[in-house]
Amino acid sequence: MFKKNSNHVQKNLFGLFNSLPQALQKDAKQSSQYCFYNLIFCNIAEDIFAKLYSDKKSRPNAPINAMLSSIILMQRNNWTYEQLFEAIKFNILTKFALGLDSLDDIPFCPASLFNFQNRLSDHFNQTGENLLEQVFDQLTEDQLKALKLKTNIQRTDSFMAASNIRNYSRLQLLIEMVIRIHRVLSDEDKQRFAEKFQAYINKTSGQYIYHLKAADLPHELEKMGQLYQWIYENLYATYAEFDIFKIFERVYTEHFTVVEQKVTVKSSDQLHSGCLQSPDDVDATYRDKNGKTSKGQAINVTETAHPDNPINLVTDVAVNSNNIDDSQVLGGRLDRIKHKTPDLDELHFDGGYGSSDNDEKFDDYGITPIQTAVRGRQSAVTIEIEQVSDDEYKVSCPQQTVSSQPTRHRHKAEFDLERCQQCPHRNQCSAITMKKYNVFYFSHEDYLARRRQNRIHDIPKERRTLRNNVEATVNEFVCKMPGKKLKVRGAFKTAVFAYSVAISINFGRIYRLILDDPEYFKAFFFFIFKIVNEQVNFMRFLYRLWVLQLILRENSVSTLPPGVKRRVESRCF
């Protein structure tokens, strides 16, 4: 049964915070943990997670805002789960961050936290809805409004997030799958098929291939193909529903093909980047970018970038397979980014994000794309294209300007051949020499691409380098990945990491801003009042005032009614 956690709103008169000396209370209020409580913990919309729990009367859930805040703190401090629970038990500031006001308070046990994350994962797999993303969006929206940050100028970039998996060679992966299939067999089947698995089960996959020679590899791959075919035909009926067998079936179809009952090994050229990289992470894909290889996911980050903002906040985070092009990622997120920040009219990015499809979206949304680099080789001669009408363009080179003519599929510009022959750049020009003209062919997409590439010259010089600072934001994510490798596996857990770190980054920037100028803290007062108005039972509040008046008037609890006296003495007041 879903239940909100509002116990933290009304502090205990004899609680942990009030028992501290005044000097320590002042220090605690200036700590990042106390600020985290006010800005993050108190503003998590727990209603988002009601759908994870039963509507029937039953045992209530563990405090959701405490579990989510713990996940964020764990990423913020690079804690393990063991370190997290140690901090919850013994670190006073961590208790303050989670709204706890007693040394005895432990909001949840490890099993509750793991079960909660499993619920989130199951909900994501069933619906495609990431509830943690909704929390990030809700917090960020409130923060942008509270600080009155301008969101019309933003910047975006991506980085590789390698999964915490072993790097398998092709043969080693195939052997590893055989070993794992053997593990799930019943004792009876292990005895029946011992001969088939004997060569692989007494050593690791790495130990098996260690003694092989390069000349043996083709023969070993053929043996693997025959064994895979036998396993599939003989064990499918019994073990098809096992998760590891589903992974095995995927590997079988990716690496082998069966024609007329004969299995053959696919060549390396037939394997694609989406093939399984490890049985421990079925979502990981392969990417070779600028000579750097990665197996895992890619994380795309978008943040505000207006020069007038005192700080800039991350507004959008997306996790995708790393073999998807940046331009496709941006195209898929542009609708959502525009929905969250409707006033967006200028977006800065590098050359990897430009595409004709994105150009059309930019036009539809009235967004000016600022591309800071150009993908691919560029012509030594600059040819400008300006659209006059739907079917006519003005095309200019350093020597002349002409009007275009439509062809069946494209447009063409015919330059005067005599003037072109006198041009010092004629040997580097991309125009094609014909009998009468030098002809330059182009499409509307080429026009959009050139317009996008030239937009950077239309803005003031001080705004032309705005994209560069997004690298610092990327580094704030990467520094949470030891050796540029995630501590987790799988697309969903990568998303949990990404959104948790994004919330932490935004909070860190706001906290540093408040330290520099405490006046900014006033912008967040409405958070606290909103929580109080929504969650505090006013009658309970009046009751506590009445009890407090009785204690102060009589200077003793002995005159209180028996029931009230028991509650006060047990500190349940």
Protein backbone atom coordinates (compact mmCIF):
# COMPACT_ATOMS: atom_id res chain seq x y z
CA MET A 1 0.00 0.00 0.00
CA PHE A 2 1.33 3.43 -0.93
CA LYS A 3 1.85 5.96 1.83
CA LYS A 4 3.58 9.33 1.81
CA ASN A 5 6.38 10.02 4.23
CA SER A 6 5.53 13.20 6.14
CA ASN A 7 7.08 12.30 9.51
CA HIS A 8 10.07 14.53 8.81
CA VAL A 9 8.04 17.75 8.54
CA GLN A 10 7.32 18.28 12.23
CA LYS A 11 10.51 17.94 14.25
CA ASN A 12 10.59 16.31 17.68
CA LEU A 13 11.06 18.81 20.50
CA PHE A 14 13.54 16.38 22.05
CA GLY A 15 14.98 15.19 18.72
CA LEU A 16 18.53 14.85 17.50
CA PHE A 17 18.79 18.31 15.95
CA ASN A 18 17.38 20.16 18.97
CA SER A 19 19.70 18.24 21.29
CA LEU A 20 22.77 19.69 19.56
CA PRO A 21 24.48 22.78 21.01
CA GLN A 22 23.55 26.05 19.30
CA ALA A 23 26.94 26.33 17.60
CA LEU A 24 26.60 22.85 16.09
CA GLN A 25 23.03 23.57 15.01
CA LYS A 26 24.30 26.61 13.11
CA ASP A 27 27.03 24.56 11.43
CA ALA A 28 24.54 21.84 10.57
CA LYS A 29 22.20 24.33 8.88
CA GLN A 30 25.08 25.51 6.68
CA SER A 31 26.04 21.96 5.65
CA SER A 32 25.33 20.55 2.20
CA GLN A 33 23.34 17.71 3.80
CA TYR A 34 20.91 20.07 5.52
CA CYS A 35 20.54 22.00 2.27
CA PHE A 36 19.99 18.69 0.46
CA TYR A 37 17.12 17.94 2.84
CA ASN A 38 15.43 21.27 2.07
CA LEU A 39 16.02 21.36 -1.67
CA ILE A 40 15.85 17.70 -2.72
CA PHE A 41 14.40 15.42 -0.04
CA CYS A 42 11.44 17.66 0.81
CA ASN A 43 10.55 18.22 -2.84
CA ILE A 44 10.45 14.67 -4.19
CA ALA A 45 6.92 14.05 -5.46
CA GLU A 46 6.22 10.66 -3.91
CA ASP A 47 2.84 10.41 -5.68
CA ILE A 48 4.73 9.54 -8.86
CA PHE A 49 5.51 6.12 -7.36
CA ALA A 50 2.01 5.25 -6.11
CA LYS A 51 1.47 3.07 -9.19
CA LEU A 52 4.18 0.68 -7.96
CA TYR A 53 2.10 -0.38 -4.96
CA SER A 54 -1.24 -2.08 -4.31
CA ASP A 55 -4.45 -0.11 -3.81
CA LYS A 56 -5.60 -2.55 -1.16
CA LYS A 57 -5.01 -1.99 2.52
CA SER A 58 -1.75 -3.69 3.33
CA ARG A 59 1.66 -3.04 4.81
CA PRO A 60 2.76 0.48 3.76
CA ASN A 61 5.86 1.06 1.68
CA ALA A 62 9.20 2.22 3.03
CA PRO A 63 9.68 6.02 2.74
CA ILE A 64 10.16 6.70 -0.97
CA ASN A 65 11.75 10.12 -0.56
CA ALA A 66 14.29 8.55 1.81
CA MET A 67 15.15 5.73 -0.62
CA LEU A 68 15.47 8.05 -3.63
CA SER A 69 17.55 10.53 -1.65
CA SER A 70 19.81 7.68 -0.52
CA ILE A 71 20.38 6.62 -4.13
CA ILE A 72 21.29 10.21 -5.05
CA LEU A 73 23.62 10.57 -2.03
CA MET A 74 25.26 7.26 -2.86
CA GLN A 75 26.14 8.50 -6.36
CA ARG A 76 27.09 11.95 -5.09
CA ASN A 77 29.60 10.53 -2.59
CA ASN A 78 30.71 7.48 -4.62
CA TRP A 79 29.52 5.21 -1.81
CA THR A 80 28.98 1.49 -1.97
CA TYR A 81 25.75 0.14 -0.49
CA GLU A 82 27.68 -0.85 2.61
CA GLN A 83 29.05 2.67 3.02
CA LEU A 84 25.57 4.12 2.44
CA PHE A 85 23.98 2.15 5.27
CA GLU A 86 26.92 2.85 7.55
CA ALA A 87 26.39 6.59 6.95
CA ILE A 88 22.64 6.28 7.58
CA LYS A 89 23.29 4.54 10.90
CA PHE A 90 26.16 6.61 12.28
CA ASN A 91 26.52 9.90 10.35
CA ILE A 92 24.39 12.67 11.88
CA LEU A 93 24.53 14.89 8.78
CA THR A 94 23.39 12.01 6.58
CA LYS A 95 20.45 11.52 8.93
CA PHE A 96 19.59 15.21 8.56
CA ALA A 97 19.74 14.86 4.77
CA LEU A 98 17.14 12.05 4.98
CA GLY A 99 14.85 13.90 7.39
CA LEU A 100 15.75 11.70 10.38
CA ASP A 101 15.75 13.24 13.84
CA SER A 102 16.79 10.33 16.04
CA LEU A 103 19.81 8.06 16.28
CA ASP A 104 17.39 5.15 16.37
CA ASP A 105 15.73 6.05 13.06
CA ILE A 106 16.62 3.75 10.14
CA PRO A 107 14.15 4.51 7.34
CA PHE A 108 14.55 1.22 5.46
CA CYS A 109 16.61 -1.95 5.37
CA PRO A 110 18.85 -3.04 2.46
CA ALA A 111 16.22 -5.48 1.20
CA SER A 112 13.62 -2.68 0.96
CA LEU A 113 15.99 -0.53 -1.11
CA PHE A 114 16.82 -3.39 -3.48
CA ASN A 115 13.15 -4.35 -3.83
CA PHE A 116 12.29 -0.73 -4.60
CA GLN A 117 14.88 -0.62 -7.37
CA ASN A 118 13.53 -3.90 -8.74
CA ARG A 119 10.03 -2.39 -8.80
CA LEU A 120 11.37 0.58 -10.76
CA SER A 121 13.14 -1.75 -13.19
CA ASP A 122 10.09 -3.98 -13.69
CA HIS A 123 7.88 -0.93 -14.27
CA PHE A 124 10.36 0.40 -16.84
CA ASN A 125 10.51 -2.96 -18.66
CA GLN A 126 6.71 -3.24 -18.75
CA THR A 127 5.81 0.34 -19.67
CA GLY A 128 9.01 2.03 -20.89
CA GLU A 129 8.39 4.72 -18.24
CA ASN A 130 11.35 5.70 -16.07
CA LEU A 131 9.93 7.18 -12.87
CA LEU A 132 13.32 8.50 -11.77
CA GLU A 133 13.38 10.62 -14.93
CA GLN A 134 10.08 12.16 -13.85
CA VAL A 135 11.58 13.03 -10.46
CA PHE A 136 14.54 14.68 -12.20
CA ASP A 137 12.21 16.67 -14.49
CA GLN A 138 10.00 17.77 -11.58
CA LEU A 139 12.92 18.89 -9.41
CA THR A 140 14.63 20.69 -12.29
CA GLU A 141 11.45 22.50 -13.31
CA ASP A 142 11.00 23.82 -9.76
CA GLN A 143 14.66 24.84 -9.52
CA LEU A 144 14.59 26.71 -12.83
CA LYS A 145 11.49 28.63 -11.75
CA ALA A 146 12.83 29.38 -8.27
CA LEU A 147 16.10 30.81 -9.60
CA LYS A 148 14.41 32.41 -12.65
CA LEU A 149 17.07 30.96 -14.94
CA LYS A 150 16.85 31.68 -18.66
CA THR A 151 16.41 28.50 -20.70
CA ASN A 152 16.22 29.97 -24.21
CA ILE A 153 19.92 29.16 -24.86
CA GLN A 154 21.12 25.60 -24.17
CA ARG A 155 23.98 23.28 -25.12
CA THR A 156 24.30 19.52 -25.44
CA ASP A 157 26.97 16.83 -25.59
CA SER A 158 27.34 13.09 -25.07
CA PHE A 159 29.87 10.66 -23.62
CA MET A 160 30.46 6.92 -23.51
CA ALA A 161 29.47 5.05 -20.35
CA ALA A 162 31.26 1.71 -20.48
CA SER A 163 29.50 -1.14 -18.71
CA ASN A 164 31.12 -2.99 -15.82
CA ILE A 165 31.69 -6.15 -17.87
CA ARG A 166 34.59 -8.29 -18.94
CA ASN A 167 35.98 -7.83 -22.44
CA TYR A 168 35.35 -11.17 -24.14
CA SER A 169 36.85 -12.25 -27.43
CA ARG A 170 34.42 -13.91 -29.83
CA LEU A 171 35.46 -17.48 -29.00
CA GLN A 172 35.68 -16.75 -25.28
CA LEU A 173 32.11 -15.41 -25.29
CA LEU A 174 30.84 -18.54 -27.05
CA ILE A 175 32.58 -20.80 -24.52
CA GLU A 176 31.33 -18.71 -21.60
CA MET A 177 27.74 -19.23 -22.76
CA VAL A 178 28.27 -23.01 -22.89
CA ILE A 179 29.62 -22.98 -19.32
CA ARG A 180 26.63 -20.97 -18.08
CA ILE A 181 24.15 -23.22 -19.83
CA HIS A 182 25.74 -26.18 -18.06
CA ARG A 183 25.24 -24.48 -14.68
CA VAL A 184 21.45 -24.40 -15.02
CA LEU A 185 21.09 -28.03 -16.10
CA SER A 186 19.53 -30.43 -13.67
CA ASP A 187 21.81 -32.97 -11.99
CA GLU A 188 20.31 -35.68 -14.14
CA ASP A 189 20.99 -33.77 -17.37
CA LYS A 190 24.52 -32.96 -16.24
CA GLN A 191 25.22 -36.67 -15.96
CA ARG A 192 23.46 -37.53 -19.24
CA PHE A 193 25.29 -34.89 -21.28
CA ALA A 194 28.61 -34.90 -19.42
CA GLU A 195 30.51 -35.90 -22.54
CA LYS A 196 29.25 -32.91 -24.51
CA PHE A 197 30.32 -30.35 -21.88
CA GLN A 198 33.39 -32.10 -20.43
CA ALA A 199 35.98 -30.12 -22.40
CA TYR A 200 34.70 -26.74 -21.12
CA ILE A 201 33.36 -27.07 -17.58
CA ASN A 202 36.58 -27.83 -15.69
CA LYS A 203 38.20 -24.48 -16.55
CA THR A 204 37.19 -20.91 -17.21
CA SER A 205 36.61 -19.61 -20.72
CA GLY A 206 39.82 -17.59 -20.43
CA GLN A 207 41.84 -20.63 -19.36
CA TYR A 208 40.45 -22.64 -22.27
CA ILE A 209 41.51 -20.23 -25.00
CA TYR A 210 44.85 -19.44 -23.32
CA HIS A 211 46.45 -22.60 -24.69
CA LEU A 212 44.99 -22.30 -28.19
CA LYS A 213 47.10 -21.29 -31.18
CA ALA A 214 45.89 -18.78 -33.75
CA ALA A 215 45.65 -21.56 -36.34
CA ASP A 216 43.22 -23.46 -34.08
CA LEU A 217 40.63 -20.67 -33.89
CA PRO A 218 38.66 -21.45 -37.11
CA HIS A 219 38.38 -25.11 -36.12
CA GLU A 220 37.27 -24.18 -32.59
CA LEU A 221 34.57 -21.87 -33.97
CA GLU A 222 33.27 -24.72 -36.11
CA LYS A 223 33.17 -27.00 -33.05
CA MET A 224 31.27 -24.32 -31.19
CA GLY A 225 28.75 -24.09 -34.02
CA GLN A 226 28.06 -27.83 -33.89
CA LEU A 227 27.78 -27.78 -30.09
CA TYR A 228 25.43 -24.78 -30.17
CA GLN A 229 23.21 -26.53 -32.69
CA TRP A 230 23.09 -29.64 -30.50
CA ILE A 231 22.29 -27.64 -27.36
CA TYR A 232 19.52 -25.74 -29.10
CA GLU A 233 17.90 -28.84 -30.59
CA ASN A 234 18.16 -31.03 -27.46
CA LEU A 235 17.69 -28.60 -24.56
CA TYR A 236 15.28 -26.02 -25.94
CA ALA A 237 12.13 -27.87 -24.89
CA THR A 238 13.25 -28.09 -21.25
CA TYR A 239 15.16 -24.85 -20.68
CA ALA A 240 13.64 -22.35 -23.12
CA GLU A 241 12.12 -20.24 -20.34
CA PHE A 242 15.42 -19.81 -18.49
CA ASP A 243 16.89 -16.31 -18.89
CA ILE A 244 20.34 -17.67 -19.70
CA PHE A 245 18.89 -19.87 -22.44
CA LYS A 246 17.23 -16.85 -24.04
CA ILE A 247 20.62 -15.16 -24.06
CA PHE A 248 22.16 -18.33 -25.50
CA GLU A 249 19.55 -18.35 -28.26
CA ARG A 250 20.42 -14.76 -29.12
CA VAL A 251 24.15 -15.57 -29.33
CA TYR A 252 23.37 -18.63 -31.46
CA THR A 253 21.50 -16.58 -34.07
CA GLU A 254 24.07 -13.76 -34.02
CA HIS A 255 27.16 -15.91 -34.62
CA PHE A 256 25.85 -18.88 -36.63
CA THR A 257 23.50 -19.60 -39.47
CA VAL A 258 21.81 -22.90 -40.31
CA VAL A 259 21.15 -23.86 -43.91
CA GLU A 260 19.62 -27.28 -44.66
CA GLN A 261 20.42 -28.58 -41.17
CA LYS A 262 24.07 -27.58 -41.52
CA VAL A 263 25.45 -24.92 -39.19
CA THR A 264 28.03 -22.44 -40.49
CA VAL A 265 30.02 -19.74 -38.72
CA LYS A 266 29.25 -16.15 -39.70
CA SER A 267 32.25 -14.12 -40.78
CA SER A 268 33.44 -11.23 -38.65
CA ASP A 269 32.08 -8.81 -41.26
CA GLN A 270 28.58 -10.17 -40.66
CA LEU A 271 28.66 -9.34 -36.95
CA HIS A 272 27.22 -5.93 -36.06
CA SER A 273 27.86 -3.58 -33.15
CA GLY A 274 24.60 -4.60 -31.47
CA CYS A 275 25.71 -8.20 -30.96
CA LEU A 276 25.86 -9.40 -27.36
CA GLN A 277 29.06 -8.22 -25.68
CA SER A 278 28.62 -10.09 -22.40
CA PRO A 279 25.98 -12.35 -20.80
CA ASP A 280 26.14 -10.04 -17.78
CA ASP A 281 24.82 -7.03 -19.73
CA VAL A 282 22.44 -7.80 -22.57
CA ASP A 283 21.97 -4.08 -23.30
CA ALA A 284 25.63 -3.24 -23.91
CA THR A 285 26.64 -2.43 -27.49
CA TYR A 286 29.99 -1.80 -29.16
CA ARG A 287 31.26 1.56 -30.42
CA ASP A 288 34.54 2.64 -31.97
CA LYS A 289 34.64 6.45 -31.91
CA ASN A 290 37.77 8.30 -32.98
CA GLY A 291 39.87 5.21 -32.28
CA LYS A 292 38.44 4.72 -28.76
CA THR A 293 36.34 1.62 -28.22
CA SER A 294 33.59 1.22 -25.64
CA LYS A 295 31.13 -1.50 -24.66
CA GLY A 296 28.07 -0.18 -22.88
CA GLN A 297 25.78 2.83 -23.23
CA ALA A 298 25.99 6.49 -24.22
CA ILE A 299 24.65 9.34 -22.08
CA ASN A 300 23.50 12.60 -23.65
CA VAL A 301 23.33 15.72 -21.48
CA THR A 302 21.61 19.06 -22.19
CA GLU A 303 21.93 22.13 -19.95
CA THR A 304 21.11 25.83 -19.90
CA ALA A 305 23.80 28.14 -21.27
CA HIS A 306 22.56 31.73 -21.15
CA PRO A 307 25.43 34.11 -20.24
CA ASP A 308 23.20 36.03 -17.80
CA ASN A 309 22.44 33.00 -15.62
CA PRO A 310 24.26 32.91 -12.26
CA ILE A 311 24.48 29.13 -12.69
CA ASN A 312 23.41 26.68 -15.37
CA LEU A 313 21.40 23.53 -14.65
CA VAL A 314 21.11 20.22 -16.49
CA THR A 315 17.67 20.13 -18.13
CA ASP A 316 17.68 16.80 -19.95
CA VAL A 317 19.49 13.46 -19.72
CA ALA A 318 19.10 10.55 -22.15
CA VAL A 319 20.60 7.05 -22.06
CA ASN A 320 20.91 5.19 -25.36
CA SER A 321 22.87 2.39 -26.95
CA ASN A 322 26.31 3.71 -27.79
CA ASN A 323 26.02 2.64 -31.43
CA ILE A 324 23.25 5.19 -32.09
CA ASP A 325 24.45 8.36 -33.80
CA ASP A 326 24.32 11.60 -31.81
CA SER A 327 22.10 13.20 -34.44
CA GLN A 328 19.49 10.44 -33.97
CA VAL A 329 19.64 10.85 -30.20
CA LEU A 330 19.05 14.60 -30.46
CA GLY A 331 16.24 14.07 -32.96
CA GLY A 332 14.54 11.69 -30.53
CA ARG A 333 14.92 14.05 -27.54
CA LEU A 334 14.16 17.39 -29.20
CA ASP A 335 10.40 17.07 -28.67
CA ARG A 336 10.89 16.40 -24.97
CA ILE A 337 13.48 19.16 -24.49
CA LYS A 338 11.19 21.70 -26.17
CA HIS A 339 8.25 20.54 -24.05
CA LYS A 340 10.23 21.01 -20.82
CA THR A 341 11.71 24.37 -21.86
CA PRO A 342 9.23 25.93 -24.33
CA ASP A 343 11.25 29.14 -24.74
CA LEU A 344 14.29 27.31 -26.17
CA ASP A 345 15.37 29.16 -29.32
CA GLU A 346 19.13 28.53 -29.57
CA LEU A 347 20.89 25.17 -29.16
CA HIS A 348 24.68 24.71 -29.29
CA PHE A 349 26.25 21.37 -30.27
CA ASP A 350 29.22 19.86 -32.11
CA GLY A 351 29.38 18.39 -35.60
CA GLY A 352 28.04 14.98 -34.59
CA TYR A 353 24.51 16.28 -34.02
CA GLY A 354 23.79 17.84 -37.39
CA SER A 355 21.38 16.13 -39.80
CA SER A 356 18.75 17.06 -42.35
CA ASP A 357 15.98 15.56 -40.21
CA ASN A 358 17.07 17.66 -37.24
CA ASP A 359 17.21 20.76 -39.44
CA GLU A 360 13.53 20.32 -40.26
CA LYS A 361 12.70 19.92 -36.55
CA PHE A 362 14.68 23.03 -35.72
CA ASP A 363 12.64 24.97 -38.27
CA ASP A 364 9.35 23.57 -36.92
CA TYR A 365 10.23 24.57 -33.34
CA GLY A 366 11.82 27.91 -34.21
CA ILE A 367 15.19 26.83 -32.77
CA THR A 368 18.42 28.25 -34.12
CA PRO A 369 21.03 25.46 -34.30
CA ILE A 370 24.60 26.58 -33.52
CA GLN A 371 27.06 23.96 -34.72
CA THR A 372 30.61 24.50 -33.52
CA ALA A 373 32.32 21.96 -35.78
CA VAL A 374 31.74 20.35 -39.16
CA ARG A 375 31.64 16.59 -39.67
CA GLY A 376 33.66 15.08 -42.51
CA ARG A 377 35.96 16.61 -45.12
CA GLN A 378 35.28 20.13 -46.29
CA SER A 379 35.83 21.69 -49.70
CA ALA A 380 38.66 24.19 -49.93
CA VAL A 381 36.32 26.53 -51.87
CA THR A 382 33.36 27.95 -49.93
CA ILE A 383 30.09 27.84 -51.85
CA GLU A 384 27.18 29.70 -50.24
CA ILE A 385 23.53 28.82 -50.87
CA GLU A 386 20.63 31.18 -50.19
CA GLN A 387 17.01 30.17 -50.71
CA VAL A 388 14.92 32.60 -52.78
CA SER A 389 11.77 30.49 -53.26
CA ASP A 390 10.74 26.84 -53.05
CA ASP A 391 12.45 26.06 -56.37
CA GLU A 392 15.12 28.75 -56.64
CA TYR A 393 18.36 29.40 -54.78
CA LYS A 394 21.18 31.88 -55.13
CA VAL A 395 24.54 30.11 -55.23
CA SER A 396 27.75 32.06 -54.64
CA CYS A 397 31.42 31.19 -54.90
CA PRO A 398 34.35 33.61 -54.31
CA GLN A 399 34.14 34.74 -57.97
CA GLN A 400 30.48 34.85 -58.98
CA THR A 401 26.80 34.44 -58.00
CA VAL A 402 24.18 32.63 -60.07
CA SER A 403 20.60 31.43 -59.71
CA SER A 404 19.91 27.71 -59.50
CA GLN A 405 17.72 25.57 -61.74
CA PRO A 406 15.67 22.56 -60.56
CA THR A 407 16.51 19.10 -61.91
CA ARG A 408 14.50 15.88 -61.49
CA HIS A 409 15.84 15.15 -57.98
CA ARG A 410 18.15 18.07 -57.11
CA HIS A 411 19.10 21.62 -58.04
CA LYS A 412 22.03 22.82 -60.08
CA ALA A 413 23.97 26.06 -60.39
CA GLU A 414 25.78 26.79 -63.66
CA PHE A 415 28.88 28.96 -63.25
CA ASP A 416 30.52 30.79 -66.16
CA LEU A 417 33.28 28.50 -67.43
CA GLU A 418 35.65 31.31 -68.56
CA ARG A 419 35.57 33.05 -65.17
CA CYS A 420 36.06 29.70 -63.43
CA GLN A 421 39.18 29.00 -65.50
CA GLN A 422 40.69 32.25 -64.24
CA CYS A 423 39.91 31.45 -60.61
CA PRO A 424 42.97 30.56 -58.45
CA HIS A 425 40.88 27.93 -56.64
CA ARG A 426 39.69 26.09 -59.77
CA ASN A 427 41.63 22.91 -58.95
CA GLN A 428 40.04 22.70 -55.51
CA CYS A 429 36.46 23.53 -56.48
CA SER A 430 33.70 20.93 -56.01
CA ALA A 431 31.83 22.08 -59.13
CA ILE A 432 31.90 19.68 -62.09
CA THR A 433 33.36 20.97 -65.38
CA MET A 434 31.01 20.55 -68.36
CA LYS A 435 31.24 21.79 -71.97
CA LYS A 436 29.71 25.21 -71.34
CA TYR A 437 29.53 25.57 -67.55
CA ASN A 438 30.97 24.52 -64.25
CA VAL A 439 27.98 22.81 -62.62
CA PHE A 440 27.38 22.55 -58.89
CA TYR A 441 24.67 20.08 -57.81
CA PHE A 442 22.95 20.32 -54.43
CA SER A 443 19.75 19.41 -52.60
CA HIS A 444 17.53 21.25 -50.13
CA GLU A 445 19.19 19.21 -47.37
CA ASP A 446 22.57 20.58 -48.48
CA TYR A 447 21.16 24.09 -48.18
CA LEU A 448 19.89 23.38 -44.65
CA ALA A 449 23.25 21.90 -43.62
CA ARG A 450 25.22 24.89 -44.92
CA ARG A 451 22.80 27.28 -43.26
CA ARG A 452 23.26 25.43 -39.97
CA GLN A 453 27.04 25.50 -40.28
CA ASN A 454 27.03 29.24 -40.95
CA ARG A 455 24.66 30.18 -38.12
CA ILE A 456 27.55 30.49 -35.69
CA HIS A 457 28.74 33.58 -37.60
CA ASP A 458 25.37 35.28 -37.08
CA ILE A 459 25.59 35.43 -33.27
CA PRO A 460 27.84 37.70 -31.15
CA LYS A 461 31.43 36.49 -30.69
CA GLU A 462 30.99 36.04 -26.95
CA ARG A 463 28.31 33.40 -27.59
CA ARG A 464 30.29 31.38 -30.13
CA THR A 465 32.17 29.43 -27.47
CA LEU A 466 29.22 28.65 -25.19
CA ARG A 467 29.23 24.96 -26.11
CA ASN A 468 32.73 24.44 -24.69
CA ASN A 469 31.64 24.55 -21.05
CA VAL A 470 29.38 21.53 -21.47
CA GLU A 471 32.61 19.51 -21.36
CA ALA A 472 32.90 20.43 -17.68
CA THR A 473 29.42 19.03 -17.07
CA VAL A 474 30.36 15.83 -18.88
CA ASN A 475 33.42 15.58 -16.65
CA GLU A 476 31.19 15.79 -13.56
CA PHE A 477 29.51 12.60 -14.76
CA VAL A 478 32.71 10.87 -15.86
CA CYS A 479 34.47 11.51 -12.54
CA LYS A 480 31.83 9.25 -10.93
CA MET A 481 33.00 6.41 -13.21
CA PRO A 482 36.34 4.93 -12.06
CA GLY A 483 38.44 4.23 -15.12
CA LYS A 484 35.59 5.71 -17.24
CA LYS A 485 33.61 2.57 -16.45
CA LEU A 486 30.26 2.35 -14.68
CA LYS A 487 29.90 0.34 -11.48
CA VAL A 488 26.64 -1.10 -12.81
CA ARG A 489 25.38 -3.05 -15.81
CA GLY A 490 22.35 -2.69 -18.03
CA ALA A 491 20.51 0.21 -19.62
CA PHE A 492 18.10 0.80 -16.73
CA LYS A 493 20.80 0.89 -14.04
CA THR A 494 22.81 3.22 -16.27
CA ALA A 495 19.75 5.49 -16.40
CA VAL A 496 19.46 5.40 -12.59
CA PHE A 497 23.11 6.46 -12.42
CA ALA A 498 22.62 9.23 -14.99
CA TYR A 499 19.53 10.81 -13.42
CA SER A 500 20.91 10.49 -9.87
CA VAL A 501 24.14 12.21 -10.85
CA ALA A 502 22.25 14.90 -12.80
CA ILE A 503 20.13 15.70 -9.72
CA SER A 504 23.31 15.78 -7.64
CA ILE A 505 25.09 18.09 -10.10
CA ASN A 506 22.20 20.56 -10.13
CA PHE A 507 21.99 20.48 -6.34
CA GLY A 508 25.76 21.03 -6.00
CA ARG A 509 25.62 24.11 -8.21
CA ILE A 510 22.68 25.55 -6.30
CA TYR A 511 24.35 24.86 -2.94
CA ARG A 512 27.56 26.60 -4.01
CA LEU A 513 25.49 29.53 -5.26
CA ILE A 514 23.75 29.79 -1.89
CA LEU A 515 27.10 29.72 -0.09
CA ASP A 516 28.36 32.58 -2.28
CA ASP A 517 25.15 34.58 -1.91
CA PRO A 518 22.72 33.46 0.85
CA GLU A 519 20.03 35.71 -0.63
CA TYR A 520 19.42 33.03 -3.24
CA PHE A 521 18.17 30.70 -0.50
CA LYS A 522 15.07 32.89 -0.25
CA ALA A 523 14.14 31.72 -3.72
CA PHE A 524 13.56 28.26 -2.29
CA PHE A 525 11.38 29.25 0.66
CA PHE A 526 8.26 28.33 -1.32
CA PHE A 527 9.51 24.72 -1.37
CA ILE A 528 9.37 24.47 2.40
CA PHE A 529 6.00 26.19 2.73
CA LYS A 530 4.56 24.01 -0.01
CA ILE A 531 5.56 20.86 1.83
CA VAL A 532 4.21 22.16 5.14
CA ASN A 533 0.84 23.10 3.65
CA GLU A 534 0.48 19.76 1.87
CA GLN A 535 1.71 17.30 4.46
CA VAL A 536 1.21 18.66 8.01
CA ASN A 537 -2.03 17.80 9.70
CA PHE A 538 -3.12 21.11 11.19
CA MET A 539 -5.12 19.51 14.01
CA ARG A 540 -2.07 17.51 15.11
CA PHE A 541 -0.09 20.74 15.09
CA LEU A 542 -2.64 22.48 17.36
CA TYR A 543 -2.65 19.46 19.66
CA ARG A 544 1.10 19.69 20.11
CA LEU A 545 0.86 23.40 20.85
CA TRP A 546 -1.75 22.67 23.55
CA VAL A 547 0.47 20.02 25.17
CA LEU A 548 3.45 22.34 25.06
CA GLN A 549 1.41 25.09 26.76
CA LEU A 550 0.44 22.68 29.54
CA ILE A 551 4.06 21.72 30.12
CA LEU A 552 5.23 25.33 30.20
CA ARG A 553 2.40 26.45 32.50
CA GLU A 554 2.81 23.66 35.05
CA ASN A 555 6.57 23.24 34.46
CA SER A 556 5.96 19.51 34.78
CA VAL A 557 4.46 16.62 32.83
CA SER A 558 2.92 15.09 35.93
CA THR A 559 -0.33 17.07 35.57
CA LEU A 560 -0.93 15.95 31.98
CA PRO A 561 -3.67 13.46 31.12
CA PRO A 562 -2.34 9.86 31.39
CA GLY A 563 -2.37 9.19 27.63
CA VAL A 564 -0.63 12.46 26.77
CA LYS A 565 1.85 11.92 29.62
CA ARG A 566 2.86 8.49 28.22
CA ARG A 567 3.44 9.94 24.75
CA VAL A 568 5.55 12.79 26.06
CA GLU A 569 7.66 10.55 28.30
CA SER A 570 8.25 8.09 25.44
CA ARG A 571 9.20 10.99 23.16
CA CYS A 572 6.43 10.15 20.73
CA PHE A 573 5.11 13.69 21.17
